[in-house]
N, C-alpha and C. Protein backbone atom coordinates (compact mmCIF):
# COMPACT_ATOMS: atom_id res chain seq x y z
N MET A 1 3.20 -32.11 6.93
CA MET A 1 3.40 -32.02 5.48
C MET A 1 2.70 -33.14 4.74
N GLY A 2 2.65 -34.31 5.39
CA GLY A 2 2.00 -35.44 4.76
C GLY A 2 0.52 -35.21 4.57
N GLY A 3 -0.12 -34.54 5.54
CA GLY A 3 -1.54 -34.25 5.40
C GLY A 3 -1.81 -33.34 4.23
N PHE A 4 -0.96 -32.35 4.04
CA PHE A 4 -1.13 -31.45 2.90
C PHE A 4 -0.91 -32.20 1.59
N ASP A 5 0.08 -33.11 1.58
CA ASP A 5 0.32 -33.90 0.37
C ASP A 5 -0.90 -34.73 0.02
N ASN A 6 -1.51 -35.33 1.04
CA ASN A 6 -2.71 -36.12 0.79
C ASN A 6 -3.85 -35.24 0.30
N PHE A 7 -3.98 -34.05 0.92
CA PHE A 7 -5.04 -33.13 0.53
C PHE A 7 -4.84 -32.68 -0.92
N TRP A 8 -3.60 -32.38 -1.28
CA TRP A 8 -3.32 -31.95 -2.64
C TRP A 8 -3.55 -33.08 -3.64
N ALA A 9 -3.12 -34.29 -3.27
CA ALA A 9 -3.27 -35.42 -4.18
C ALA A 9 -4.73 -35.81 -4.37
N GLN A 10 -5.53 -35.70 -3.30
CA GLN A 10 -6.93 -36.10 -3.39
C GLN A 10 -7.83 -34.98 -3.89
N GLY A 11 -7.33 -33.74 -3.91
CA GLY A 11 -8.15 -32.63 -4.33
C GLY A 11 -8.33 -32.58 -5.84
N ASP A 12 -9.39 -31.88 -6.26
CA ASP A 12 -9.62 -31.72 -7.69
C ASP A 12 -9.04 -30.39 -8.16
N ALA A 13 -9.40 -29.98 -9.38
CA ALA A 13 -8.83 -28.77 -9.97
C ALA A 13 -9.23 -27.52 -9.18
N ILE A 14 -10.46 -27.47 -8.68
CA ILE A 14 -10.92 -26.30 -7.94
C ILE A 14 -10.16 -26.17 -6.62
N THR A 15 -9.99 -27.27 -5.92
CA THR A 15 -9.26 -27.25 -4.65
C THR A 15 -7.83 -26.77 -4.86
N ARG A 16 -7.18 -27.29 -5.88
CA ARG A 16 -5.80 -26.89 -6.14
C ARG A 16 -5.72 -25.43 -6.59
N THR A 17 -6.73 -24.98 -7.34
CA THR A 17 -6.76 -23.58 -7.76
C THR A 17 -6.89 -22.65 -6.56
N VAL A 18 -7.75 -23.01 -5.62
CA VAL A 18 -7.92 -22.19 -4.41
C VAL A 18 -6.61 -22.14 -3.61
N ALA A 19 -5.96 -23.30 -3.47
CA ALA A 19 -4.70 -23.33 -2.73
C ALA A 19 -3.63 -22.49 -3.43
N ALA A 20 -3.55 -22.58 -4.75
CA ALA A 20 -2.57 -21.78 -5.50
C ALA A 20 -2.89 -20.29 -5.40
N LEU A 21 -4.19 -19.95 -5.42
CA LEU A 21 -4.58 -18.55 -5.30
C LEU A 21 -4.21 -17.99 -3.94
N LEU A 22 -4.42 -18.76 -2.89
CA LEU A 22 -4.03 -18.30 -1.55
C LEU A 22 -2.52 -18.13 -1.44
N LEU A 23 -1.77 -19.03 -2.05
CA LEU A 23 -0.32 -18.90 -2.04
C LEU A 23 0.12 -17.64 -2.78
N LEU A 24 -0.50 -17.37 -3.93
CA LEU A 24 -0.17 -16.17 -4.70
C LEU A 24 -0.52 -14.91 -3.92
N MET A 25 -1.67 -14.90 -3.25
CA MET A 25 -2.07 -13.75 -2.45
C MET A 25 -1.11 -13.54 -1.28
N SER A 26 -0.66 -14.63 -0.67
CA SER A 26 0.27 -14.51 0.45
C SER A 26 1.61 -13.93 0.00
N VAL A 27 2.12 -14.43 -1.11
CA VAL A 27 3.40 -13.92 -1.63
C VAL A 27 3.26 -12.44 -2.01
N SER A 28 2.16 -12.10 -2.67
CA SER A 28 1.95 -10.71 -3.08
C SER A 28 1.85 -9.79 -1.86
N ALA A 29 1.13 -10.23 -0.84
CA ALA A 29 0.97 -9.41 0.36
C ALA A 29 2.30 -9.18 1.04
N TRP A 30 3.12 -10.21 1.17
CA TRP A 30 4.39 -10.06 1.88
C TRP A 30 5.38 -9.23 1.07
N VAL A 31 5.32 -9.32 -0.25
CA VAL A 31 6.18 -8.45 -1.06
C VAL A 31 5.82 -6.99 -0.83
N VAL A 32 4.52 -6.69 -0.84
CA VAL A 32 4.06 -5.31 -0.61
C VAL A 32 4.39 -4.87 0.81
N ILE A 33 4.20 -5.77 1.78
CA ILE A 33 4.47 -5.41 3.18
C ILE A 33 5.94 -5.05 3.37
N LEU A 34 6.83 -5.88 2.86
CA LEU A 34 8.26 -5.61 3.03
C LEU A 34 8.68 -4.35 2.28
N TRP A 35 8.17 -4.18 1.06
CA TRP A 35 8.55 -3.01 0.27
C TRP A 35 8.00 -1.73 0.89
N LYS A 36 6.73 -1.72 1.27
CA LYS A 36 6.14 -0.49 1.82
C LYS A 36 6.72 -0.17 3.20
N GLY A 37 7.02 -1.18 3.98
CA GLY A 37 7.63 -0.91 5.27
C GLY A 37 8.98 -0.23 5.11
N TRP A 38 9.77 -0.71 4.14
CA TRP A 38 11.07 -0.09 3.86
C TRP A 38 10.90 1.31 3.30
N LEU A 39 9.94 1.49 2.37
CA LEU A 39 9.73 2.79 1.73
C LEU A 39 9.26 3.85 2.73
N LEU A 40 8.26 3.52 3.52
CA LEU A 40 7.69 4.51 4.42
C LEU A 40 8.66 4.89 5.53
N ARG A 41 9.47 3.95 5.98
CA ARG A 41 10.50 4.31 6.97
C ARG A 41 11.50 5.29 6.38
N ARG A 42 11.89 5.08 5.13
CA ARG A 42 12.82 6.00 4.47
C ARG A 42 12.18 7.38 4.30
N VAL A 43 10.92 7.41 3.89
CA VAL A 43 10.26 8.69 3.67
C VAL A 43 10.13 9.47 4.97
N ARG A 44 9.73 8.80 6.04
CA ARG A 44 9.60 9.50 7.32
C ARG A 44 10.95 10.04 7.78
N LYS A 45 12.00 9.25 7.61
CA LYS A 45 13.33 9.72 8.00
C LYS A 45 13.78 10.87 7.12
N ASP A 46 13.47 10.78 5.81
CA ASP A 46 13.84 11.87 4.90
C ASP A 46 13.15 13.16 5.28
N ILE A 47 11.87 13.09 5.60
CA ILE A 47 11.12 14.29 5.97
C ILE A 47 11.68 14.91 7.25
N GLU A 48 12.00 14.07 8.21
CA GLU A 48 12.54 14.57 9.48
C GLU A 48 13.85 15.31 9.29
N ARG A 49 14.66 14.88 8.32
CA ARG A 49 15.96 15.52 8.10
C ARG A 49 15.89 16.64 7.06
N ALA A 50 15.09 16.44 6.01
CA ALA A 50 15.11 17.37 4.89
C ALA A 50 14.40 18.69 5.19
N VAL A 51 13.27 18.65 5.88
CA VAL A 51 12.52 19.88 6.12
C VAL A 51 13.31 20.87 6.97
N PRO A 52 13.87 20.47 8.12
CA PRO A 52 14.69 21.44 8.87
C PRO A 52 15.90 21.92 8.08
N ALA A 53 16.53 21.02 7.31
CA ALA A 53 17.70 21.43 6.52
C ALA A 53 17.30 22.44 5.45
N PHE A 54 16.13 22.27 4.86
CA PHE A 54 15.69 23.22 3.84
C PHE A 54 15.47 24.60 4.43
N TRP A 55 14.76 24.69 5.54
CA TRP A 55 14.47 26.00 6.12
C TRP A 55 15.70 26.62 6.77
N ALA A 56 16.70 25.82 7.06
CA ALA A 56 17.94 26.38 7.61
C ALA A 56 18.87 26.88 6.53
N ALA A 57 18.57 26.63 5.26
CA ALA A 57 19.43 27.05 4.17
C ALA A 57 19.36 28.57 3.99
N PRO A 58 20.44 29.20 3.57
CA PRO A 58 20.44 30.66 3.42
C PRO A 58 19.72 31.16 2.18
N SER A 59 19.50 30.31 1.20
CA SER A 59 18.84 30.74 -0.03
C SER A 59 18.02 29.59 -0.59
N LEU A 60 17.19 29.92 -1.58
CA LEU A 60 16.36 28.90 -2.20
C LEU A 60 17.19 27.86 -2.92
N ASP A 61 18.23 28.29 -3.60
CA ASP A 61 19.09 27.34 -4.29
C ASP A 61 19.78 26.39 -3.30
N ALA A 62 20.23 26.96 -2.18
CA ALA A 62 20.86 26.10 -1.17
C ALA A 62 19.83 25.15 -0.56
N GLY A 63 18.60 25.64 -0.38
CA GLY A 63 17.55 24.77 0.13
C GLY A 63 17.22 23.65 -0.82
N ARG A 64 17.25 23.95 -2.12
CA ARG A 64 17.01 22.90 -3.11
C ARG A 64 18.11 21.84 -3.06
N GLU A 65 19.32 22.26 -2.85
CA GLU A 65 20.43 21.30 -2.72
C GLU A 65 20.26 20.43 -1.48
N GLN A 66 19.78 21.01 -0.39
CA GLN A 66 19.54 20.23 0.82
C GLN A 66 18.46 19.17 0.59
N LEU A 67 17.40 19.56 -0.11
CA LEU A 67 16.35 18.58 -0.41
C LEU A 67 16.89 17.46 -1.29
N ALA A 68 17.70 17.82 -2.28
CA ALA A 68 18.27 16.80 -3.16
C ALA A 68 19.16 15.82 -2.39
N ALA A 69 19.79 16.31 -1.33
CA ALA A 69 20.69 15.46 -0.55
C ALA A 69 19.93 14.52 0.37
N PHE A 70 18.81 14.98 0.94
CA PHE A 70 18.10 14.20 1.95
C PHE A 70 16.85 13.50 1.42
N ASP A 71 16.24 14.04 0.38
CA ASP A 71 14.95 13.52 -0.10
C ASP A 71 15.18 12.37 -1.06
N ARG A 72 15.51 11.20 -0.53
CA ARG A 72 15.87 10.06 -1.36
C ARG A 72 14.69 9.52 -2.16
N GLU A 73 13.49 9.57 -1.61
CA GLU A 73 12.31 9.02 -2.29
C GLU A 73 11.49 10.10 -2.99
N ARG A 74 12.02 11.31 -3.07
CA ARG A 74 11.37 12.42 -3.76
C ARG A 74 9.93 12.63 -3.28
N ALA A 75 9.81 12.78 -1.99
CA ALA A 75 8.52 13.12 -1.41
C ALA A 75 8.35 14.62 -1.24
N LEU A 76 9.45 15.35 -1.13
CA LEU A 76 9.41 16.79 -0.91
C LEU A 76 9.79 17.59 -2.15
N SER A 77 10.68 17.07 -2.96
CA SER A 77 11.15 17.81 -4.14
C SER A 77 10.02 18.20 -5.09
N PRO A 78 9.02 17.33 -5.36
CA PRO A 78 7.92 17.76 -6.23
C PRO A 78 7.15 18.97 -5.69
N LEU A 79 7.05 19.09 -4.38
CA LEU A 79 6.35 20.23 -3.80
C LEU A 79 7.13 21.52 -4.04
N LEU A 80 8.45 21.47 -3.87
CA LEU A 80 9.27 22.65 -4.13
C LEU A 80 9.23 23.01 -5.61
N ALA A 81 9.31 22.01 -6.48
CA ALA A 81 9.25 22.28 -7.91
C ALA A 81 7.93 22.94 -8.30
N ALA A 82 6.83 22.48 -7.69
CA ALA A 82 5.52 23.07 -7.97
C ALA A 82 5.44 24.49 -7.44
N ALA A 83 6.07 24.76 -6.31
CA ALA A 83 5.99 26.08 -5.69
C ALA A 83 6.71 27.13 -6.51
N VAL A 84 7.84 26.78 -7.11
CA VAL A 84 8.65 27.77 -7.83
C VAL A 84 8.39 27.73 -9.33
N ALA A 85 7.50 26.87 -9.80
CA ALA A 85 7.23 26.77 -11.24
C ALA A 85 6.53 28.04 -11.73
N THR A 86 6.78 28.37 -12.97
CA THR A 86 6.15 29.54 -13.60
C THR A 86 5.38 29.08 -14.82
N PRO A 87 4.09 29.36 -14.90
CA PRO A 87 3.31 28.93 -16.07
C PRO A 87 3.80 29.64 -17.32
N PRO A 88 3.75 28.98 -18.46
CA PRO A 88 4.21 29.63 -19.72
C PRO A 88 3.35 30.82 -20.07
N GLY A 89 3.99 31.86 -20.58
CA GLY A 89 3.27 33.06 -20.93
C GLY A 89 2.33 32.86 -22.10
N GLY A 90 1.28 33.68 -22.14
CA GLY A 90 0.30 33.59 -23.21
C GLY A 90 -0.70 32.47 -23.07
N THR A 91 -0.76 31.83 -21.91
CA THR A 91 -1.71 30.75 -21.66
C THR A 91 -2.78 31.20 -20.67
N LEU A 92 -3.87 30.48 -20.67
CA LEU A 92 -4.93 30.79 -19.72
C LEU A 92 -4.46 30.61 -18.29
N GLU A 93 -3.57 29.64 -18.09
CA GLU A 93 -3.05 29.41 -16.75
C GLU A 93 -2.30 30.64 -16.24
N ALA A 94 -1.54 31.27 -17.12
CA ALA A 94 -0.76 32.44 -16.72
C ALA A 94 -1.63 33.64 -16.40
N LYS A 95 -2.85 33.67 -16.91
CA LYS A 95 -3.74 34.80 -16.68
C LYS A 95 -4.51 34.68 -15.37
N GLY A 96 -4.45 33.53 -14.72
CA GLY A 96 -5.17 33.34 -13.46
C GLY A 96 -4.46 34.01 -12.31
N HIS A 97 -5.13 34.03 -11.16
CA HIS A 97 -4.54 34.61 -9.97
C HIS A 97 -3.33 33.79 -9.55
N ALA A 98 -2.26 34.48 -9.18
CA ALA A 98 -1.02 33.79 -8.83
C ALA A 98 -1.21 32.87 -7.63
N ASP A 99 -1.95 33.33 -6.62
CA ASP A 99 -2.13 32.49 -5.44
C ASP A 99 -2.97 31.27 -5.74
N SER A 100 -3.95 31.39 -6.63
CA SER A 100 -4.77 30.23 -7.01
C SER A 100 -3.96 29.23 -7.81
N GLN A 101 -3.13 29.75 -8.73
CA GLN A 101 -2.27 28.86 -9.49
C GLN A 101 -1.31 28.10 -8.58
N LEU A 102 -0.74 28.82 -7.64
CA LEU A 102 0.20 28.20 -6.71
C LEU A 102 -0.48 27.12 -5.88
N THR A 103 -1.67 27.42 -5.39
CA THR A 103 -2.40 26.43 -4.59
C THR A 103 -2.70 25.18 -5.40
N ARG A 104 -3.10 25.38 -6.65
CA ARG A 104 -3.44 24.22 -7.49
C ARG A 104 -2.20 23.38 -7.78
N ARG A 105 -1.08 24.03 -8.08
CA ARG A 105 0.14 23.27 -8.37
C ARG A 105 0.60 22.48 -7.15
N LEU A 106 0.55 23.12 -6.00
CA LEU A 106 0.96 22.41 -4.78
C LEU A 106 0.00 21.26 -4.47
N ARG A 107 -1.28 21.48 -4.68
CA ARG A 107 -2.25 20.42 -4.42
C ARG A 107 -2.03 19.23 -5.34
N ASP A 108 -1.81 19.50 -6.62
CA ASP A 108 -1.56 18.41 -7.57
C ASP A 108 -0.28 17.65 -7.22
N ALA A 109 0.76 18.39 -6.85
CA ALA A 109 2.02 17.74 -6.48
C ALA A 109 1.85 16.90 -5.23
N LEU A 110 1.10 17.42 -4.26
CA LEU A 110 0.86 16.67 -3.02
C LEU A 110 0.08 15.40 -3.30
N TYR A 111 -0.94 15.47 -4.15
CA TYR A 111 -1.71 14.28 -4.51
C TYR A 111 -0.83 13.24 -5.19
N GLY A 112 0.09 13.71 -6.03
CA GLY A 112 0.98 12.77 -6.70
C GLY A 112 1.89 12.05 -5.72
N VAL A 113 2.43 12.77 -4.75
CA VAL A 113 3.30 12.15 -3.75
C VAL A 113 2.51 11.17 -2.89
N LEU A 114 1.30 11.56 -2.48
CA LEU A 114 0.47 10.68 -1.65
C LEU A 114 0.07 9.42 -2.42
N ALA A 115 -0.19 9.56 -3.71
CA ALA A 115 -0.50 8.37 -4.51
C ALA A 115 0.67 7.41 -4.52
N GLN A 116 1.89 7.95 -4.57
CA GLN A 116 3.08 7.10 -4.50
C GLN A 116 3.18 6.40 -3.15
N LEU A 117 2.91 7.13 -2.06
CA LEU A 117 3.01 6.54 -0.73
C LEU A 117 1.90 5.52 -0.47
N GLN A 118 0.73 5.72 -1.08
CA GLN A 118 -0.40 4.83 -0.85
C GLN A 118 -0.43 3.63 -1.79
N PHE A 119 0.51 3.57 -2.71
CA PHE A 119 0.53 2.47 -3.66
C PHE A 119 0.67 1.13 -2.92
N GLY A 120 -0.18 0.19 -3.26
CA GLY A 120 -0.18 -1.12 -2.62
C GLY A 120 -1.21 -1.27 -1.53
N GLN A 121 -1.78 -0.15 -1.06
CA GLN A 121 -2.77 -0.23 0.01
C GLN A 121 -4.03 -0.96 -0.45
N VAL A 122 -4.44 -0.70 -1.70
CA VAL A 122 -5.64 -1.37 -2.22
C VAL A 122 -5.43 -2.87 -2.28
N LEU A 123 -4.24 -3.29 -2.68
CA LEU A 123 -3.96 -4.73 -2.75
C LEU A 123 -4.03 -5.36 -1.37
N LEU A 124 -3.44 -4.71 -0.36
CA LEU A 124 -3.49 -5.25 1.00
C LEU A 124 -4.92 -5.32 1.50
N ALA A 125 -5.70 -4.28 1.24
CA ALA A 125 -7.10 -4.28 1.69
C ALA A 125 -7.90 -5.38 0.99
N SER A 126 -7.65 -5.56 -0.29
CA SER A 126 -8.37 -6.60 -1.04
C SER A 126 -8.02 -7.99 -0.54
N ILE A 127 -6.73 -8.23 -0.31
CA ILE A 127 -6.31 -9.54 0.19
C ILE A 127 -6.86 -9.78 1.59
N GLY A 128 -6.79 -8.75 2.44
CA GLY A 128 -7.29 -8.92 3.81
C GLY A 128 -8.77 -9.19 3.88
N SER A 129 -9.53 -8.66 2.94
CA SER A 129 -10.98 -8.83 2.99
C SER A 129 -11.47 -10.08 2.25
N THR A 130 -10.71 -10.57 1.29
CA THR A 130 -11.20 -11.70 0.48
C THR A 130 -10.55 -13.04 0.83
N ALA A 131 -9.33 -13.03 1.38
CA ALA A 131 -8.63 -14.29 1.64
C ALA A 131 -9.41 -15.22 2.58
N PRO A 132 -10.02 -14.72 3.68
CA PRO A 132 -10.77 -15.65 4.54
C PRO A 132 -11.92 -16.34 3.81
N PHE A 133 -12.59 -15.61 2.92
CA PHE A 133 -13.72 -16.21 2.20
C PHE A 133 -13.24 -17.19 1.14
N ILE A 134 -12.11 -16.91 0.53
CA ILE A 134 -11.54 -17.87 -0.42
C ILE A 134 -11.13 -19.14 0.30
N GLY A 135 -10.50 -18.99 1.48
CA GLY A 135 -10.16 -20.17 2.27
C GLY A 135 -11.38 -20.95 2.71
N LEU A 136 -12.45 -20.23 3.09
CA LEU A 136 -13.69 -20.90 3.49
C LEU A 136 -14.31 -21.65 2.32
N PHE A 137 -14.27 -21.03 1.15
CA PHE A 137 -14.78 -21.73 -0.04
C PHE A 137 -13.98 -23.00 -0.30
N GLY A 138 -12.65 -22.91 -0.15
CA GLY A 138 -11.83 -24.10 -0.33
C GLY A 138 -12.18 -25.20 0.66
N THR A 139 -12.49 -24.81 1.91
CA THR A 139 -12.87 -25.80 2.92
C THR A 139 -14.20 -26.46 2.57
N VAL A 140 -15.17 -25.64 2.20
CA VAL A 140 -16.50 -26.19 1.85
C VAL A 140 -16.39 -27.12 0.66
N TRP A 141 -15.65 -26.69 -0.35
CA TRP A 141 -15.51 -27.54 -1.53
C TRP A 141 -14.72 -28.80 -1.20
N GLY A 142 -13.69 -28.69 -0.36
CA GLY A 142 -12.93 -29.87 0.02
C GLY A 142 -13.77 -30.88 0.79
N ILE A 143 -14.60 -30.38 1.72
CA ILE A 143 -15.49 -31.29 2.47
C ILE A 143 -16.48 -31.96 1.54
N TYR A 144 -17.05 -31.17 0.63
CA TYR A 144 -18.00 -31.74 -0.34
C TYR A 144 -17.32 -32.81 -1.19
N HIS A 145 -16.12 -32.51 -1.67
CA HIS A 145 -15.39 -33.46 -2.49
C HIS A 145 -15.05 -34.72 -1.70
N ALA A 146 -14.67 -34.56 -0.42
CA ALA A 146 -14.35 -35.71 0.41
C ALA A 146 -15.57 -36.58 0.67
N LEU A 147 -16.70 -35.93 0.95
CA LEU A 147 -17.92 -36.70 1.21
C LEU A 147 -18.39 -37.47 -0.03
N ILE A 148 -18.20 -36.85 -1.19
CA ILE A 148 -18.57 -37.55 -2.42
C ILE A 148 -17.71 -38.81 -2.59
N ASN A 149 -16.42 -38.67 -2.32
CA ASN A 149 -15.54 -39.83 -2.45
C ASN A 149 -15.87 -40.92 -1.43
N ILE A 150 -16.19 -40.50 -0.20
CA ILE A 150 -16.55 -41.47 0.83
C ILE A 150 -17.84 -42.19 0.47
N SER A 151 -18.80 -41.41 -0.05
CA SER A 151 -20.07 -42.02 -0.44
C SER A 151 -19.88 -43.01 -1.59
N ALA A 152 -19.00 -42.69 -2.52
CA ALA A 152 -18.75 -43.59 -3.64
C ALA A 152 -18.06 -44.87 -3.18
N ALA A 153 -17.28 -44.77 -2.08
CA ALA A 153 -16.60 -45.95 -1.56
C ALA A 153 -17.57 -46.93 -0.92
N GLY A 154 -18.73 -46.46 -0.46
CA GLY A 154 -19.76 -47.32 0.07
C GLY A 154 -19.65 -47.63 1.54
N SER A 155 -18.61 -47.18 2.22
CA SER A 155 -18.46 -47.43 3.65
C SER A 155 -18.12 -46.12 4.33
N ILE A 156 -18.82 -45.85 5.45
CA ILE A 156 -18.62 -44.61 6.18
C ILE A 156 -18.23 -44.93 7.62
N SER A 157 -17.14 -44.33 8.06
CA SER A 157 -16.69 -44.46 9.44
C SER A 157 -16.09 -43.14 9.87
N ILE A 158 -15.93 -42.99 11.17
CA ILE A 158 -15.39 -41.73 11.68
C ILE A 158 -13.97 -41.50 11.18
N GLU A 159 -13.21 -42.59 11.02
CA GLU A 159 -11.85 -42.45 10.54
C GLU A 159 -11.82 -41.96 9.10
N ARG A 160 -12.73 -42.49 8.27
CA ARG A 160 -12.75 -42.11 6.86
C ARG A 160 -13.26 -40.68 6.68
N VAL A 161 -14.07 -40.20 7.63
CA VAL A 161 -14.62 -38.84 7.52
C VAL A 161 -13.68 -37.81 8.12
N SER A 162 -13.10 -38.11 9.28
CA SER A 162 -12.33 -37.10 10.00
C SER A 162 -11.06 -36.69 9.25
N GLY A 163 -10.42 -37.64 8.59
CA GLY A 163 -9.18 -37.31 7.88
C GLY A 163 -9.39 -36.29 6.76
N PRO A 164 -10.24 -36.60 5.75
CA PRO A 164 -10.46 -35.64 4.67
C PRO A 164 -11.06 -34.31 5.14
N VAL A 165 -11.99 -34.38 6.09
CA VAL A 165 -12.61 -33.14 6.57
C VAL A 165 -11.57 -32.28 7.29
N GLY A 166 -10.75 -32.92 8.13
CA GLY A 166 -9.71 -32.16 8.83
C GLY A 166 -8.72 -31.52 7.87
N GLU A 167 -8.38 -32.23 6.81
CA GLU A 167 -7.47 -31.66 5.82
C GLU A 167 -8.12 -30.50 5.09
N ALA A 168 -9.43 -30.59 4.83
CA ALA A 168 -10.13 -29.50 4.15
C ALA A 168 -10.19 -28.25 5.01
N LEU A 169 -10.28 -28.44 6.33
CA LEU A 169 -10.33 -27.28 7.22
C LEU A 169 -9.04 -26.48 7.22
N VAL A 170 -7.97 -27.08 6.74
CA VAL A 170 -6.71 -26.35 6.64
C VAL A 170 -6.86 -25.15 5.71
N MET A 171 -7.74 -25.22 4.73
CA MET A 171 -7.92 -24.11 3.80
C MET A 171 -8.44 -22.87 4.52
N THR A 172 -9.32 -23.05 5.49
CA THR A 172 -9.80 -21.90 6.26
C THR A 172 -8.67 -21.27 7.06
N ALA A 173 -7.86 -22.12 7.69
CA ALA A 173 -6.71 -21.60 8.42
C ALA A 173 -5.73 -20.89 7.49
N ALA A 174 -5.55 -21.42 6.29
CA ALA A 174 -4.65 -20.78 5.33
C ALA A 174 -5.19 -19.42 4.92
N GLY A 175 -6.52 -19.32 4.72
CA GLY A 175 -7.11 -18.03 4.38
C GLY A 175 -6.90 -16.99 5.46
N LEU A 176 -7.05 -17.39 6.71
CA LEU A 176 -6.82 -16.47 7.82
C LEU A 176 -5.34 -16.09 7.92
N ALA A 177 -4.46 -17.06 7.69
CA ALA A 177 -3.03 -16.77 7.76
C ALA A 177 -2.60 -15.78 6.69
N VAL A 178 -3.29 -15.78 5.55
CA VAL A 178 -3.00 -14.81 4.50
C VAL A 178 -3.59 -13.45 4.84
N ALA A 179 -4.80 -13.44 5.40
CA ALA A 179 -5.52 -12.19 5.60
C ALA A 179 -4.99 -11.38 6.78
N ILE A 180 -4.66 -12.03 7.87
CA ILE A 180 -4.30 -11.30 9.09
C ILE A 180 -3.08 -10.40 8.89
N PRO A 181 -1.97 -10.86 8.33
CA PRO A 181 -0.84 -9.94 8.11
C PRO A 181 -1.20 -8.79 7.18
N ALA A 182 -2.03 -9.07 6.16
CA ALA A 182 -2.40 -8.00 5.22
C ALA A 182 -3.22 -6.92 5.92
N VAL A 183 -4.15 -7.32 6.78
CA VAL A 183 -4.99 -6.34 7.49
C VAL A 183 -4.14 -5.53 8.47
N LEU A 184 -3.30 -6.20 9.22
CA LEU A 184 -2.44 -5.49 10.18
C LEU A 184 -1.52 -4.51 9.45
N ALA A 185 -0.92 -4.95 8.35
CA ALA A 185 -0.03 -4.06 7.60
C ALA A 185 -0.80 -2.89 7.02
N TYR A 186 -2.00 -3.13 6.54
CA TYR A 186 -2.82 -2.05 5.98
C TYR A 186 -3.07 -0.98 7.02
N ASN A 187 -3.42 -1.38 8.23
CA ASN A 187 -3.70 -0.40 9.29
C ASN A 187 -2.43 0.35 9.71
N ILE A 188 -1.33 -0.37 9.85
CA ILE A 188 -0.07 0.28 10.24
C ILE A 188 0.39 1.25 9.17
N PHE A 189 0.36 0.81 7.92
CA PHE A 189 0.81 1.68 6.84
C PHE A 189 -0.12 2.88 6.66
N GLY A 190 -1.41 2.68 6.89
CA GLY A 190 -2.33 3.81 6.82
C GLY A 190 -1.99 4.88 7.82
N LYS A 191 -1.62 4.47 9.02
CA LYS A 191 -1.20 5.44 10.05
C LYS A 191 0.09 6.13 9.65
N MET A 192 1.04 5.39 9.09
CA MET A 192 2.31 5.98 8.68
C MET A 192 2.11 6.96 7.53
N VAL A 193 1.27 6.60 6.57
CA VAL A 193 0.99 7.50 5.45
C VAL A 193 0.29 8.76 5.95
N GLY A 194 -0.64 8.61 6.91
CA GLY A 194 -1.30 9.78 7.47
C GLY A 194 -0.33 10.73 8.15
N SER A 195 0.65 10.16 8.85
CA SER A 195 1.67 10.99 9.49
C SER A 195 2.50 11.73 8.45
N CYS A 196 2.90 11.04 7.40
CA CYS A 196 3.66 11.69 6.33
C CYS A 196 2.82 12.75 5.62
N GLU A 197 1.55 12.46 5.43
CA GLU A 197 0.66 13.43 4.77
C GLU A 197 0.58 14.73 5.56
N ALA A 198 0.48 14.63 6.87
CA ALA A 198 0.41 15.84 7.70
C ALA A 198 1.69 16.66 7.56
N GLU A 199 2.84 16.00 7.56
CA GLU A 199 4.10 16.71 7.40
C GLU A 199 4.21 17.34 6.02
N LEU A 200 3.78 16.64 4.99
CA LEU A 200 3.86 17.17 3.64
C LEU A 200 2.90 18.34 3.45
N GLU A 201 1.72 18.26 4.03
CA GLU A 201 0.79 19.38 3.94
C GLU A 201 1.34 20.61 4.63
N GLY A 202 1.98 20.41 5.78
CA GLY A 202 2.59 21.53 6.47
C GLY A 202 3.71 22.16 5.65
N PHE A 203 4.53 21.33 5.01
CA PHE A 203 5.61 21.83 4.17
C PHE A 203 5.05 22.59 2.97
N ALA A 204 4.00 22.04 2.35
CA ALA A 204 3.39 22.71 1.21
C ALA A 204 2.78 24.06 1.61
N HIS A 205 2.15 24.11 2.77
CA HIS A 205 1.59 25.38 3.26
C HIS A 205 2.68 26.42 3.49
N ASP A 206 3.78 26.00 4.09
CA ASP A 206 4.88 26.93 4.34
C ASP A 206 5.52 27.40 3.04
N LEU A 207 5.63 26.50 2.07
CA LEU A 207 6.15 26.91 0.77
C LEU A 207 5.25 27.94 0.11
N ARG A 208 3.97 27.71 0.20
CA ARG A 208 3.01 28.66 -0.40
C ARG A 208 3.17 30.04 0.22
N GLU A 209 3.26 30.10 1.53
CA GLU A 209 3.41 31.39 2.21
C GLU A 209 4.73 32.05 1.83
N MET A 210 5.78 31.26 1.70
CA MET A 210 7.08 31.83 1.33
C MET A 210 7.03 32.44 -0.06
N VAL A 211 6.44 31.72 -1.02
CA VAL A 211 6.39 32.22 -2.38
C VAL A 211 5.51 33.46 -2.48
N LEU A 212 4.38 33.46 -1.80
CA LEU A 212 3.49 34.61 -1.84
C LEU A 212 4.14 35.83 -1.19
N ASP A 213 4.84 35.61 -0.09
CA ASP A 213 5.55 36.73 0.56
C ASP A 213 6.62 37.29 -0.36
N ALA A 214 7.32 36.40 -1.06
CA ALA A 214 8.36 36.86 -1.96
C ALA A 214 7.79 37.65 -3.13
N SER A 215 6.59 37.22 -3.62
CA SER A 215 5.97 37.93 -4.74
C SER A 215 5.43 39.29 -4.32
N ARG A 216 5.08 39.46 -3.06
CA ARG A 216 4.56 40.74 -2.57
C ARG A 216 5.67 41.67 -2.11
N ALA A 217 6.87 41.16 -1.91
CA ALA A 217 7.96 41.96 -1.35
C ALA A 217 8.31 43.18 -2.21
N PRO A 218 8.42 43.09 -3.56
CA PRO A 218 8.78 44.27 -4.34
C PRO A 218 7.75 45.38 -4.22
N ALA A 219 6.46 45.03 -4.12
CA ALA A 219 5.43 46.06 -3.99
C ALA A 219 5.53 46.77 -2.67
């Protein structure tokens, strides 16, 4: 801790700005990591319980009640709402083919749910890709600043050089410490979102077939 105190006390405005930026990026990444980890686990569990319960229901109304009971993060309910929605009469939308309208509504609803599940991924990717370079910049600037101070002092020794340079290298380590969890979380969450996307696409496809079959039944 003393080395960091010395580094902070001897650093200039740029060095302190880099350190504060890395701290902000680390806090932001961990907030997103904890929140998305909790959210995606809930969504996966909801899908595992809600989809079988919906198809086991005796009627559409009962199936809607099952979704309302299990779909805590509303990943499936928008798809059902889009499947059973009816366009207002007298509009161009109502004059289109029923199957095309249904496909478009389900696609839009699916994109909306996926956007909710993917929220925060861009931040993790940005932090994972930029934090090492920000830390490296802090190290380079810290070494430059230390060498300038040593040169102004007029005496150079290994002890006077190794201390400030070693403290400046901490910025590179800090950048890596910020980036590595963000990159790992981005990859893990990407896989989890992909798994949820496959389940949601399957549910949307089955809903489409159910609605189309129901519309053809009277004929």
